[in-house]
Amino acid sequence: MSVADEPDARAAQLRQKAQELKEAAERSTDPEARERLETKARHLEEESRHIKRPGSGDARPMG
């Protein structure tokens, strides 16, 4: 795997974990546990969207 692939791989891992947490939340019979799992899944999805790829930064000059 190249360095350029690492952010994509990390984002994919986070999305996979989020999906697993959603599924666990669906199976949970405890409302509090379900809410915790759903919240964590949302956070992981959000984090996966914010992973920067090389070269994806702001290209505007600083000045």
C-alpha atoms as a PDB file:
ATOM      1  CA  MET A   1       0.000   0.000   0.000  1.00  0.00           C
ATOM      2  CA  SER A   2       1.340   3.437  -0.881  1.00  0.00           C
ATOM      3  CA  VAL A   3       1.298   6.422   1.431  1.00  0.00           C
ATOM      4  CA  ALA A   4      -1.437   7.937  -0.743  1.00  0.00           C
ATOM      5  CA  ASP A   5      -3.676   4.924  -0.011  1.00  0.00           C
ATOM      6  CA  GLU A   6      -3.335   5.169   3.771  1.00  0.00           C
ATOM      7  CA  PRO A   7      -6.018   7.852   4.330  1.00  0.00           C
ATOM      8  CA  ASP A   8      -8.466   5.916   2.152  1.00  0.00           C
ATOM      9  CA  ALA A   9      -7.727   2.715   4.057  1.00  0.00           C
ATOM     10  CA  ARG A  10      -8.172   4.465   7.411  1.00  0.00           C
ATOM     11  CA  ALA A  11     -11.458   6.013   6.284  1.00  0.00           C
ATOM     12  CA  ALA A  12     -12.671   2.600   5.114  1.00  0.00           C
ATOM     13  CA  GLN A  13     -11.768   1.079   8.488  1.00  0.00           C
ATOM     14  CA  LEU A  14     -13.716   3.782  10.289  1.00  0.00           C
ATOM     15  CA  ARG A  15     -16.753   3.287   8.060  1.00  0.00           C
ATOM     16  CA  GLN A  16     -16.609  -0.483   8.627  1.00  0.00           C
ATOM     17  CA  LYS A  17     -16.440  -0.032  12.401  1.00  0.00           C
ATOM     18  CA  ALA A  18     -19.328   2.445  12.244  1.00  0.00           C
ATOM     19  CA  GLN A  19     -21.410  -0.104  10.349  1.00  0.00           C
ATOM     20  CA  GLU A  20     -20.617  -2.768  12.944  1.00  0.00           C
ATOM     21  CA  LEU A  21     -21.681  -0.401  15.727  1.00  0.00           C
ATOM     22  CA  LYS A  22     -24.946   0.405  13.933  1.00  0.00           C
ATOM     23  CA  GLU A  23     -25.703  -3.282  13.607  1.00  0.00           C
ATOM     24  CA  ALA A  24     -24.921  -3.845  17.276  1.00  0.00           C
ATOM     25  CA  ALA A  25     -27.220  -0.942  18.166  1.00  0.00           C
ATOM     26  CA  GLU A  26     -30.029  -2.511  16.156  1.00  0.00           C
ATOM     27  CA  ARG A  27     -29.612  -5.764  18.103  1.00  0.00           C
ATOM     28  CA  SER A  28     -29.359  -4.080  21.493  1.00  0.00           C
ATOM     29  CA  THR A  29     -32.350  -4.311  23.799  1.00  0.00           C
ATOM     30  CA  ASP A  30     -30.963  -1.693  26.205  1.00  0.00           C
ATOM     31  CA  PRO A  31     -32.022   1.811  25.047  1.00  0.00           C
ATOM     32  CA  GLU A  32     -29.008   3.469  26.677  1.00  0.00           C
ATOM     33  CA  ALA A  33     -26.567   1.039  25.091  1.00  0.00           C
ATOM     34  CA  ARG A  34     -28.306   1.502  21.746  1.00  0.00           C
ATOM     35  CA  GLU A  35     -27.929   5.279  21.977  1.00  0.00           C
ATOM     36  CA  ARG A  36     -24.245   5.009  22.929  1.00  0.00           C
ATOM     37  CA  LEU A  37     -23.555   2.696  19.987  1.00  0.00           C
ATOM     38  CA  GLU A  38     -25.436   4.925  17.538  1.00  0.00           C
ATOM     39  CA  THR A  39     -23.608   8.010  18.799  1.00  0.00           C
ATOM     40  CA  LYS A  40     -20.221   6.346  18.463  1.00  0.00           C
ATOM     41  CA  ALA A  41     -21.132   5.165  14.952  1.00  0.00           C
ATOM     42  CA  ARG A  42     -22.057   8.739  13.950  1.00  0.00           C
ATOM     43  CA  HIS A  43     -18.765  10.043  15.327  1.00  0.00           C
ATOM     44  CA  LEU A  44     -16.765   7.455  13.396  1.00  0.00           C
ATOM     45  CA  GLU A  45     -18.617   8.266  10.177  1.00  0.00           C
ATOM     46  CA  GLU A  46     -17.937  11.953  10.681  1.00  0.00           C
ATOM     47  CA  GLU A  47     -14.274  11.266  11.388  1.00  0.00           C
ATOM     48  CA  SER A  48     -14.005   9.159   8.234  1.00  0.00           C
ATOM     49  CA  ARG A  49     -15.302  12.098   6.185  1.00  0.00           C
ATOM     50  CA  HIS A  50     -12.664  14.433   7.620  1.00  0.00           C
ATOM     51  CA  ILE A  51      -9.597  12.333   6.895  1.00  0.00           C
ATOM     52  CA  LYS A  52      -7.409  14.398   4.614  1.00  0.00           C
ATOM     53  CA  ARG A  53      -5.880  12.931   1.544  1.00  0.00           C
ATOM     54  CA  PRO A  54      -2.460  14.108   0.407  1.00  0.00           C
ATOM     55  CA  GLY A  55      -2.905  17.061  -1.919  1.00  0.00           C
ATOM     56  CA  SER A  56      -6.462  17.733  -0.805  1.00  0.00           C
ATOM     57  CA  GLY A  57      -5.559  20.790   1.249  1.00  0.00           C
ATOM     58  CA  ASP A  58      -6.335  24.399   0.487  1.00  0.00           C
ATOM     59  CA  ALA A  59      -4.419  25.446  -2.607  1.00  0.00           C
ATOM     60  CA  ARG A  60      -4.974  29.180  -2.089  1.00  0.00           C
ATOM     61  CA  PRO A  61      -1.835  31.235  -1.438  1.00  0.00           C
ATOM     62  CA  MET A  62      -1.310  32.517   2.085  1.00  0.00           C
ATOM     63  CA  GLY A  63      -1.034  36.200   1.661  1.00  0.00           C
END
